[in-house]
Amino acid sequence: MENSNRSNDVFSEQRPKQLPGMLNVLTILTFIGCGLTFLSTCYSFITGNDPDKQIEKLNEAREKMGDGGFGAKMIDSSIDMIQKSYENRYLLLISGLIFTILCFIGALQMRKLKKSGYYYYLIGELGPFVLMAGLFGSSFLGAFALLFGALIAIVFVVLYSTQLKYLENK
């Protein structure tokens, strides 16, 4: 009787732990998000090299609207974001790629049930918001974009946090 219990323990130790369904779905969604973020970061860098054309179009729209109102404030905020994005384009490119890679590595590690992956993911997911708050936080449109993006990031962080019980310190 005692011998059969030992053999069951040996088999259970040799069998790899299965990836929980929720963690599987979260990591797949993270891989998709990382791919889209990688592409959009590169696209923004490539297309953002001529801010004057964008600003000119916005100024034309602002002239049609007039000086007052909510639309004028949005246009001013957009112009401010375009200028700041252009001034910091290399920082945004490099940090965007680094944070995306951290999220990707974190998801890979969590698929292997390693708790360290959660911390990589956490830095990669929340780090951009610290950077964006420093660069664009003072503008209305920047604050709105920051809040919208942070909402999605917080949902994923909370969902990953519920899966910490399956991750091990390896």
N, C-alpha and C. Protein backbone atom coordinates (compact mmCIF):
# COMPACT_ATOMS: atom_id res chain seq x y z
N MET A 1 0.82 -1.19 0.00
CA MET A 1 0.00 0.00 0.00
C MET A 1 0.87 1.26 0.00
N GLU A 2 1.88 1.23 0.84
CA GLU A 2 2.77 2.38 0.94
C GLU A 2 3.57 2.56 -0.34
N ASN A 3 3.93 1.49 -0.98
CA ASN A 3 4.69 1.53 -2.22
C ASN A 3 3.89 2.17 -3.36
N SER A 4 2.59 1.91 -3.44
CA SER A 4 1.77 2.48 -4.50
C SER A 4 1.62 3.99 -4.32
N ASN A 5 1.59 4.51 -3.09
CA ASN A 5 1.53 5.95 -2.85
C ASN A 5 2.80 6.63 -3.33
N ARG A 6 3.94 5.97 -3.10
CA ARG A 6 5.21 6.53 -3.56
C ARG A 6 5.26 6.60 -5.07
N SER A 7 4.77 5.58 -5.74
CA SER A 7 4.82 5.58 -7.20
C SER A 7 3.89 6.66 -7.77
N ASN A 8 2.76 6.92 -7.12
CA ASN A 8 1.88 8.00 -7.57
C ASN A 8 2.55 9.35 -7.40
N ASP A 9 3.30 9.54 -6.29
CA ASP A 9 4.01 10.79 -6.07
C ASP A 9 5.09 10.99 -7.12
N VAL A 10 5.77 9.92 -7.48
CA VAL A 10 6.83 10.02 -8.48
C VAL A 10 6.24 10.42 -9.83
N PHE A 11 5.11 9.82 -10.20
CA PHE A 11 4.49 10.15 -11.49
C PHE A 11 3.96 11.58 -11.49
N SER A 12 3.41 12.04 -10.38
CA SER A 12 2.88 13.40 -10.35
C SER A 12 4.00 14.43 -10.38
N GLU A 13 5.17 14.09 -9.86
CA GLU A 13 6.30 15.01 -9.92
C GLU A 13 6.89 15.08 -11.32
N GLN A 14 6.85 13.96 -12.05
CA GLN A 14 7.43 13.93 -13.38
C GLN A 14 6.53 14.60 -14.42
N ARG A 15 5.24 14.56 -14.18
CA ARG A 15 4.29 15.16 -15.11
C ARG A 15 4.38 16.68 -15.04
N PRO A 16 4.55 17.35 -16.17
CA PRO A 16 4.60 18.81 -16.11
C PRO A 16 3.24 19.39 -15.73
N LYS A 17 3.29 20.48 -15.00
CA LYS A 17 2.04 21.14 -14.63
C LYS A 17 1.39 21.70 -15.87
N GLN A 18 0.07 21.61 -15.91
CA GLN A 18 -0.66 22.11 -17.05
C GLN A 18 -0.92 23.60 -16.91
N LEU A 19 -0.89 24.29 -18.03
CA LEU A 19 -1.15 25.73 -18.06
C LEU A 19 -2.64 25.96 -17.83
N PRO A 20 -3.00 26.73 -16.79
CA PRO A 20 -4.42 27.02 -16.56
C PRO A 20 -5.04 27.75 -17.75
N GLY A 21 -6.31 27.49 -18.01
CA GLY A 21 -6.99 28.05 -19.16
C GLY A 21 -6.97 29.56 -19.21
N MET A 22 -7.22 30.20 -18.08
CA MET A 22 -7.25 31.67 -18.03
C MET A 22 -5.87 32.24 -18.35
N LEU A 23 -4.83 31.63 -17.81
CA LEU A 23 -3.47 32.09 -18.08
C LEU A 23 -3.11 31.87 -19.54
N ASN A 24 -3.58 30.79 -20.12
CA ASN A 24 -3.36 30.52 -21.53
C ASN A 24 -3.98 31.62 -22.39
N VAL A 25 -5.23 31.96 -22.11
CA VAL A 25 -5.93 32.99 -22.88
C VAL A 25 -5.25 34.35 -22.71
N LEU A 26 -4.89 34.68 -21.47
CA LEU A 26 -4.23 35.98 -21.21
C LEU A 26 -2.92 36.10 -21.96
N THR A 27 -2.13 35.04 -21.95
CA THR A 27 -0.83 35.12 -22.63
C THR A 27 -1.01 35.20 -24.15
N ILE A 28 -1.99 34.50 -24.69
CA ILE A 28 -2.24 34.59 -26.13
C ILE A 28 -2.67 36.02 -26.49
N LEU A 29 -3.56 36.61 -25.69
CA LEU A 29 -3.96 37.99 -25.93
C LEU A 29 -2.78 38.95 -25.79
N THR A 30 -1.88 38.65 -24.86
CA THR A 30 -0.68 39.47 -24.69
C THR A 30 0.22 39.37 -25.92
N PHE A 31 0.38 38.18 -26.47
CA PHE A 31 1.19 38.03 -27.67
C PHE A 31 0.60 38.84 -28.83
N ILE A 32 -0.71 38.79 -28.97
CA ILE A 32 -1.38 39.56 -30.02
C ILE A 32 -1.17 41.06 -29.78
N GLY A 33 -1.37 41.48 -28.54
CA GLY A 33 -1.17 42.90 -28.18
C GLY A 33 0.26 43.35 -28.40
N CYS A 34 1.22 42.49 -28.08
CA CYS A 34 2.63 42.84 -28.30
C CYS A 34 2.92 43.01 -29.79
N GLY A 35 2.37 42.13 -30.61
CA GLY A 35 2.57 42.25 -32.06
C GLY A 35 1.99 43.54 -32.60
N LEU A 36 0.76 43.85 -32.17
CA LEU A 36 0.12 45.10 -32.63
C LEU A 36 0.87 46.33 -32.12
N THR A 37 1.32 46.29 -30.89
CA THR A 37 2.06 47.41 -30.32
C THR A 37 3.40 47.60 -31.03
N PHE A 38 4.07 46.50 -31.32
CA PHE A 38 5.34 46.58 -32.04
C PHE A 38 5.13 47.25 -33.40
N LEU A 39 4.12 46.80 -34.13
CA LEU A 39 3.84 47.38 -35.45
C LEU A 39 3.44 48.85 -35.36
N SER A 40 2.58 49.18 -34.40
CA SER A 40 2.13 50.58 -34.30
C SER A 40 3.25 51.50 -33.83
N THR A 41 4.15 51.00 -32.98
CA THR A 41 5.28 51.80 -32.54
C THR A 41 6.19 52.12 -33.73
N CYS A 42 6.48 51.12 -34.53
CA CYS A 42 7.33 51.33 -35.71
C CYS A 42 6.62 52.24 -36.72
N TYR A 43 5.33 52.02 -36.94
CA TYR A 43 4.56 52.84 -37.88
C TYR A 43 4.53 54.30 -37.43
N SER A 44 4.32 54.53 -36.15
CA SER A 44 4.29 55.90 -35.62
C SER A 44 5.63 56.59 -35.82
N PHE A 45 6.71 55.84 -35.63
CA PHE A 45 8.04 56.42 -35.81
C PHE A 45 8.26 56.79 -37.28
N ILE A 46 7.87 55.90 -38.17
CA ILE A 46 8.10 56.13 -39.60
C ILE A 46 7.24 57.28 -40.13
N THR A 47 5.99 57.32 -39.75
CA THR A 47 5.08 58.33 -40.28
C THR A 47 5.13 59.65 -39.51
N GLY A 48 5.78 59.67 -38.36
CA GLY A 48 5.81 60.89 -37.56
C GLY A 48 6.98 61.80 -37.86
N ASN A 49 7.66 61.59 -38.98
CA ASN A 49 8.84 62.39 -39.30
C ASN A 49 8.52 63.73 -39.95
N ASP A 50 7.27 64.00 -40.24
CA ASP A 50 6.90 65.28 -40.84
C ASP A 50 5.71 65.88 -40.09
N PRO A 51 5.96 66.42 -38.91
CA PRO A 51 4.85 66.95 -38.11
C PRO A 51 4.26 68.23 -38.68
N ASP A 52 5.01 68.94 -39.51
CA ASP A 52 4.52 70.22 -40.05
C ASP A 52 3.25 70.04 -40.87
N LYS A 53 3.17 68.97 -41.67
CA LYS A 53 1.97 68.72 -42.47
C LYS A 53 0.76 68.47 -41.56
N GLN A 54 0.97 67.68 -40.54
CA GLN A 54 -0.13 67.37 -39.61
C GLN A 54 -0.59 68.63 -38.88
N ILE A 55 0.37 69.42 -38.44
CA ILE A 55 0.03 70.65 -37.73
C ILE A 55 -0.68 71.63 -38.65
N GLU A 56 -0.24 71.69 -39.90
CA GLU A 56 -0.88 72.59 -40.88
C GLU A 56 -2.35 72.22 -41.08
N LYS A 57 -2.62 70.93 -41.22
CA LYS A 57 -4.01 70.47 -41.39
C LYS A 57 -4.85 70.81 -40.16
N LEU A 58 -4.28 70.63 -38.98
CA LEU A 58 -5.01 70.95 -37.75
C LEU A 58 -5.27 72.44 -37.63
N ASN A 59 -4.30 73.25 -38.02
CA ASN A 59 -4.49 74.70 -37.98
C ASN A 59 -5.59 75.15 -38.94
N GLU A 60 -5.66 74.51 -40.10
CA GLU A 60 -6.74 74.82 -41.05
C GLU A 60 -8.10 74.49 -40.44
N ALA A 61 -8.18 73.35 -39.79
CA ALA A 61 -9.44 72.96 -39.15
C ALA A 61 -9.78 73.91 -38.02
N ARG A 62 -8.77 74.36 -37.30
CA ARG A 62 -8.99 75.29 -36.18
C ARG A 62 -9.52 76.63 -36.69
N GLU A 63 -9.01 77.10 -37.81
CA GLU A 63 -9.47 78.36 -38.40
C GLU A 63 -10.94 78.28 -38.79
N LYS A 64 -11.36 77.12 -39.29
CA LYS A 64 -12.76 76.94 -39.66
C LYS A 64 -13.66 76.94 -38.43
N MET A 65 -13.16 76.44 -37.32
CA MET A 65 -13.96 76.34 -36.10
C MET A 65 -14.04 77.66 -35.33
N GLY A 66 -12.98 78.40 -35.39
CA GLY A 66 -12.90 79.60 -34.58
C GLY A 66 -12.08 79.33 -33.33
N ASP A 67 -11.93 80.36 -32.51
CA ASP A 67 -11.06 80.25 -31.34
C ASP A 67 -11.73 79.62 -30.12
N GLY A 68 -13.01 79.72 -30.02
CA GLY A 68 -13.66 79.25 -28.81
C GLY A 68 -14.12 77.81 -28.91
N GLY A 69 -14.48 77.29 -27.79
CA GLY A 69 -15.11 75.98 -27.76
C GLY A 69 -14.17 74.82 -27.49
N PHE A 70 -14.82 73.70 -27.31
CA PHE A 70 -14.12 72.46 -26.96
C PHE A 70 -13.26 71.96 -28.11
N GLY A 71 -13.72 72.09 -29.36
CA GLY A 71 -12.97 71.62 -30.52
C GLY A 71 -11.63 72.31 -30.67
N ALA A 72 -11.60 73.62 -30.38
CA ALA A 72 -10.35 74.38 -30.48
C ALA A 72 -9.35 73.88 -29.44
N LYS A 73 -9.84 73.57 -28.26
CA LYS A 73 -8.95 73.05 -27.21
C LYS A 73 -8.40 71.68 -27.61
N MET A 74 -9.23 70.86 -28.22
CA MET A 74 -8.78 69.55 -28.67
C MET A 74 -7.70 69.68 -29.75
N ILE A 75 -7.90 70.61 -30.66
CA ILE A 75 -6.93 70.81 -31.72
C ILE A 75 -5.61 71.33 -31.14
N ASP A 76 -5.69 72.29 -30.23
CA ASP A 76 -4.47 72.79 -29.58
C ASP A 76 -3.74 71.67 -28.86
N SER A 77 -4.49 70.84 -28.19
CA SER A 77 -3.90 69.71 -27.48
C SER A 77 -3.26 68.72 -28.45
N SER A 78 -3.91 68.50 -29.58
CA SER A 78 -3.36 67.60 -30.61
C SER A 78 -2.05 68.14 -31.17
N ILE A 79 -2.02 69.43 -31.42
CA ILE A 79 -0.80 70.06 -31.93
C ILE A 79 0.33 69.92 -30.92
N ASP A 80 0.01 70.13 -29.66
CA ASP A 80 1.00 69.97 -28.59
C ASP A 80 1.54 68.54 -28.55
N MET A 81 0.65 67.57 -28.67
CA MET A 81 1.08 66.16 -28.65
C MET A 81 1.94 65.82 -29.87
N ILE A 82 1.59 66.34 -31.03
CA ILE A 82 2.37 66.08 -32.23
C ILE A 82 3.78 66.64 -32.07
N GLN A 83 3.88 67.86 -31.55
CA GLN A 83 5.20 68.47 -31.35
C GLN A 83 6.03 67.69 -30.33
N LYS A 84 5.43 67.32 -29.22
CA LYS A 84 6.16 66.57 -28.20
C LYS A 84 6.54 65.18 -28.70
N SER A 85 5.66 64.56 -29.46
CA SER A 85 5.97 63.24 -30.02
C SER A 85 7.15 63.32 -30.97
N TYR A 86 7.18 64.37 -31.78
CA TYR A 86 8.29 64.53 -32.72
C TYR A 86 9.60 64.80 -31.98
N GLU A 87 9.55 65.66 -30.99
CA GLU A 87 10.75 65.98 -30.22
C GLU A 87 11.30 64.76 -29.49
N ASN A 88 10.44 63.86 -29.08
CA ASN A 88 10.84 62.69 -28.30
C ASN A 88 10.69 61.39 -29.09
N ARG A 89 10.74 61.46 -30.41
CA ARG A 89 10.44 60.29 -31.23
C ARG A 89 11.40 59.13 -30.99
N TYR A 90 12.67 59.40 -30.76
CA TYR A 90 13.62 58.31 -30.53
C TYR A 90 13.39 57.67 -29.16
N LEU A 91 13.12 58.49 -28.18
CA LEU A 91 12.81 57.97 -26.85
C LEU A 91 11.54 57.12 -26.90
N LEU A 92 10.52 57.59 -27.61
CA LEU A 92 9.27 56.84 -27.72
C LEU A 92 9.46 55.52 -28.46
N LEU A 93 10.28 55.53 -29.51
CA LEU A 93 10.54 54.30 -30.26
C LEU A 93 11.27 53.28 -29.39
N ILE A 94 12.38 53.69 -28.80
CA ILE A 94 13.20 52.75 -28.02
C ILE A 94 12.44 52.25 -26.80
N SER A 95 11.81 53.16 -26.07
CA SER A 95 11.08 52.72 -24.87
C SER A 95 9.88 51.85 -25.25
N GLY A 96 9.20 52.19 -26.34
CA GLY A 96 8.07 51.38 -26.79
C GLY A 96 8.49 49.96 -27.12
N LEU A 97 9.61 49.82 -27.81
CA LEU A 97 10.10 48.49 -28.15
C LEU A 97 10.57 47.73 -26.91
N ILE A 98 11.25 48.41 -26.01
CA ILE A 98 11.72 47.75 -24.78
C ILE A 98 10.54 47.28 -23.93
N PHE A 99 9.55 48.14 -23.73
CA PHE A 99 8.41 47.76 -22.91
C PHE A 99 7.61 46.63 -23.56
N THR A 100 7.51 46.65 -24.88
CA THR A 100 6.80 45.58 -25.59
C THR A 100 7.55 44.25 -25.44
N ILE A 101 8.86 44.30 -25.55
CA ILE A 101 9.67 43.09 -25.38
C ILE A 101 9.55 42.56 -23.95
N LEU A 102 9.51 43.45 -22.96
CA LEU A 102 9.34 43.01 -21.58
C LEU A 102 8.00 42.30 -21.38
N CYS A 103 6.94 42.83 -21.96
CA CYS A 103 5.63 42.17 -21.87
C CYS A 103 5.67 40.80 -22.55
N PHE A 104 6.32 40.73 -23.70
CA PHE A 104 6.41 39.47 -24.43
C PHE A 104 7.20 38.42 -23.64
N ILE A 105 8.34 38.82 -23.11
CA ILE A 105 9.16 37.90 -22.31
C ILE A 105 8.39 37.47 -21.06
N GLY A 106 7.71 38.42 -20.44
CA GLY A 106 6.92 38.10 -19.25
C GLY A 106 5.85 37.07 -19.56
N ALA A 107 5.15 37.22 -20.67
CA ALA A 107 4.11 36.26 -21.04
C ALA A 107 4.71 34.89 -21.34
N LEU A 108 5.87 34.88 -22.01
CA LEU A 108 6.55 33.60 -22.27
C LEU A 108 6.91 32.90 -20.96
N GLN A 109 7.43 33.67 -20.01
CA GLN A 109 7.82 33.10 -18.72
C GLN A 109 6.59 32.59 -17.96
N MET A 110 5.50 33.33 -18.03
CA MET A 110 4.30 32.89 -17.32
C MET A 110 3.71 31.63 -17.97
N ARG A 111 3.91 31.46 -19.25
CA ARG A 111 3.47 30.20 -19.90
C ARG A 111 4.28 29.02 -19.37
N LYS A 112 5.49 29.30 -18.89
CA LYS A 112 6.32 28.27 -18.28
C LYS A 112 6.06 28.20 -16.76
N LEU A 113 5.04 28.94 -16.31
CA LEU A 113 4.61 29.01 -14.91
C LEU A 113 5.69 29.59 -14.00
N LYS A 114 6.45 30.53 -14.51
CA LYS A 114 7.48 31.21 -13.72
C LYS A 114 6.94 32.56 -13.24
N LYS A 115 7.05 32.77 -11.95
CA LYS A 115 6.53 34.00 -11.35
C LYS A 115 7.31 35.23 -11.80
N SER A 116 8.57 35.06 -12.15
CA SER A 116 9.38 36.20 -12.61
C SER A 116 8.77 36.85 -13.85
N GLY A 117 8.06 36.06 -14.66
CA GLY A 117 7.42 36.59 -15.84
C GLY A 117 6.36 37.64 -15.51
N TYR A 118 5.69 37.45 -14.40
CA TYR A 118 4.67 38.42 -13.98
C TYR A 118 5.31 39.79 -13.75
N TYR A 119 6.48 39.80 -13.14
CA TYR A 119 7.15 41.06 -12.83
C TYR A 119 7.70 41.73 -14.10
N TYR A 120 8.20 40.92 -15.03
CA TYR A 120 8.60 41.48 -16.33
C TYR A 120 7.40 42.12 -17.01
N TYR A 121 6.29 41.38 -17.00
CA TYR A 121 5.07 41.89 -17.63
C TYR A 121 4.61 43.18 -16.96
N LEU A 122 4.64 43.20 -15.65
CA LEU A 122 4.19 44.36 -14.89
C LEU A 122 4.98 45.61 -15.26
N ILE A 123 6.29 45.47 -15.34
CA ILE A 123 7.14 46.61 -15.73
C ILE A 123 6.85 47.02 -17.17
N GLY A 124 6.74 46.04 -18.06
CA GLY A 124 6.47 46.34 -19.46
C GLY A 124 5.10 46.96 -19.69
N GLU A 125 4.13 46.62 -18.86
CA GLU A 125 2.78 47.11 -19.05
C GLU A 125 2.57 48.48 -18.41
N LEU A 126 3.14 48.70 -17.24
CA LEU A 126 2.89 49.95 -16.53
C LEU A 126 3.97 51.02 -16.77
N GLY A 127 5.15 50.60 -17.20
CA GLY A 127 6.23 51.54 -17.47
C GLY A 127 5.89 52.63 -18.48
N PRO A 128 5.24 52.27 -19.59
CA PRO A 128 4.91 53.31 -20.58
C PRO A 128 4.02 54.42 -20.01
N PHE A 129 3.20 54.11 -19.05
CA PHE A 129 2.30 55.13 -18.52
C PHE A 129 3.03 56.14 -17.66
N VAL A 130 4.09 55.71 -17.02
CA VAL A 130 4.93 56.64 -16.27
C VAL A 130 5.63 57.58 -17.26
N LEU A 131 6.15 57.01 -18.33
CA LEU A 131 6.81 57.81 -19.37
C LEU A 131 5.83 58.77 -20.04
N MET A 132 4.66 58.27 -20.40
CA MET A 132 3.67 59.10 -21.09
C MET A 132 3.14 60.21 -20.18
N ALA A 133 2.99 59.92 -18.91
CA ALA A 133 2.53 60.95 -17.98
C ALA A 133 3.56 62.07 -17.90
N GLY A 134 4.83 61.71 -17.95
CA GLY A 134 5.87 62.72 -17.92
C GLY A 134 5.94 63.55 -19.19
N LEU A 135 5.66 62.92 -20.33
CA LEU A 135 5.75 63.63 -21.60
C LEU A 135 4.47 64.36 -21.98
N PHE A 136 3.32 63.72 -21.81
CA PHE A 136 2.07 64.26 -22.33
C PHE A 136 1.01 64.55 -21.28
N GLY A 137 1.31 64.33 -20.03
CA GLY A 137 0.31 64.43 -18.98
C GLY A 137 -0.35 65.78 -18.84
N SER A 138 0.32 66.84 -19.24
CA SER A 138 -0.24 68.17 -19.05
C SER A 138 -1.29 68.54 -20.10
N SER A 139 -1.31 67.83 -21.22
CA SER A 139 -2.29 68.18 -22.25
C SER A 139 -3.58 67.39 -22.03
N PHE A 140 -4.69 67.98 -22.45
CA PHE A 140 -5.99 67.35 -22.26
C PHE A 140 -6.09 66.03 -23.00
N LEU A 141 -5.70 66.03 -24.26
CA LEU A 141 -5.77 64.84 -25.08
C LEU A 141 -4.81 63.77 -24.58
N GLY A 142 -3.63 64.20 -24.13
CA GLY A 142 -2.65 63.26 -23.57
C GLY A 142 -3.18 62.58 -22.32
N ALA A 143 -3.84 63.35 -21.47
CA ALA A 143 -4.40 62.78 -20.24
C ALA A 143 -5.52 61.80 -20.56
N PHE A 144 -6.33 62.12 -21.55
CA PHE A 144 -7.41 61.23 -21.96
C PHE A 144 -6.86 59.92 -22.52
N ALA A 145 -5.88 60.01 -23.40
CA ALA A 145 -5.27 58.81 -23.99
C ALA A 145 -4.59 57.98 -22.91
N LEU A 146 -3.94 58.65 -21.97
CA LEU A 146 -3.27 57.98 -20.87
C LEU A 146 -4.27 57.20 -20.01
N LEU A 147 -5.40 57.82 -19.69
CA LEU A 147 -6.41 57.15 -18.88
C LEU A 147 -7.03 55.97 -19.60
N PHE A 148 -7.31 56.11 -20.89
CA PHE A 148 -7.90 55.01 -21.66
C PHE A 148 -6.93 53.83 -21.73
N GLY A 149 -5.68 54.10 -22.04
CA GLY A 149 -4.68 53.04 -22.10
C GLY A 149 -4.44 52.40 -20.76
N ALA A 150 -4.43 53.21 -19.71
CA ALA A 150 -4.20 52.69 -18.36
C ALA A 150 -5.34 51.78 -17.92
N LEU A 151 -6.54 52.08 -18.35
CA LEU A 151 -7.69 51.26 -17.99
C LEU A 151 -7.51 49.83 -18.51
N ILE A 152 -7.12 49.71 -19.75
CA ILE A 152 -6.90 48.39 -20.35
C ILE A 152 -5.73 47.68 -19.66
N ALA A 153 -4.66 48.41 -19.41
CA ALA A 153 -3.49 47.81 -18.75
C ALA A 153 -3.84 47.33 -17.35
N ILE A 154 -4.60 48.11 -16.62
CA ILE A 154 -4.97 47.72 -15.25
C ILE A 154 -5.84 46.47 -15.26
N VAL A 155 -6.75 46.37 -16.23
CA VAL A 155 -7.57 45.16 -16.32
C VAL A 155 -6.69 43.93 -16.53
N PHE A 156 -5.72 44.03 -17.42
CA PHE A 156 -4.83 42.88 -17.66
C PHE A 156 -3.96 42.58 -16.45
N VAL A 157 -3.46 43.60 -15.78
CA VAL A 157 -2.64 43.37 -14.59
C VAL A 157 -3.47 42.67 -13.51
N VAL A 158 -4.70 43.10 -13.32
CA VAL A 158 -5.57 42.46 -12.32
C VAL A 158 -5.84 41.01 -12.72
N LEU A 159 -6.12 40.77 -13.99
CA LEU A 159 -6.38 39.40 -14.43
C LEU A 159 -5.15 38.51 -14.27
N TYR A 160 -3.98 39.03 -14.61
CA TYR A 160 -2.75 38.26 -14.39
C TYR A 160 -2.51 38.04 -12.90
N SER A 161 -2.84 39.03 -12.08
CA SER A 161 -2.64 38.89 -10.64
C SER A 161 -3.48 37.76 -10.06
N THR A 162 -4.64 37.52 -10.65
CA THR A 162 -5.46 36.40 -10.16
C THR A 162 -4.83 35.05 -10.49
N GLN A 163 -3.88 35.04 -11.39
CA GLN A 163 -3.24 33.79 -11.81
C GLN A 163 -1.90 33.54 -11.11
N LEU A 164 -1.53 34.43 -10.21
CA LEU A 164 -0.25 34.28 -9.50
C LEU A 164 -0.16 32.97 -8.71
N LYS A 165 -1.29 32.46 -8.25
CA LYS A 165 -1.28 31.23 -7.46
C LYS A 165 -0.77 30.04 -8.25
N TYR A 166 -0.79 30.11 -9.58
CA TYR A 166 -0.31 29.02 -10.42
C TYR A 166 1.17 29.16 -10.77
N LEU A 167 1.73 30.32 -10.49
CA LEU A 167 3.12 30.57 -10.87
C LEU A 167 4.05 30.23 -9.73
N GLU A 168 5.24 29.77 -10.08
CA GLU A 168 6.21 29.34 -9.09
C GLU A 168 7.48 30.17 -9.20
N ASN A 169 8.19 30.27 -8.09
CA ASN A 169 9.50 30.94 -8.09
C ASN A 169 10.53 29.94 -8.59
N LYS A 170 10.96 30.11 -9.80
CA LYS A 170 11.97 29.21 -10.39
C LYS A 170 13.19 29.98 -10.77
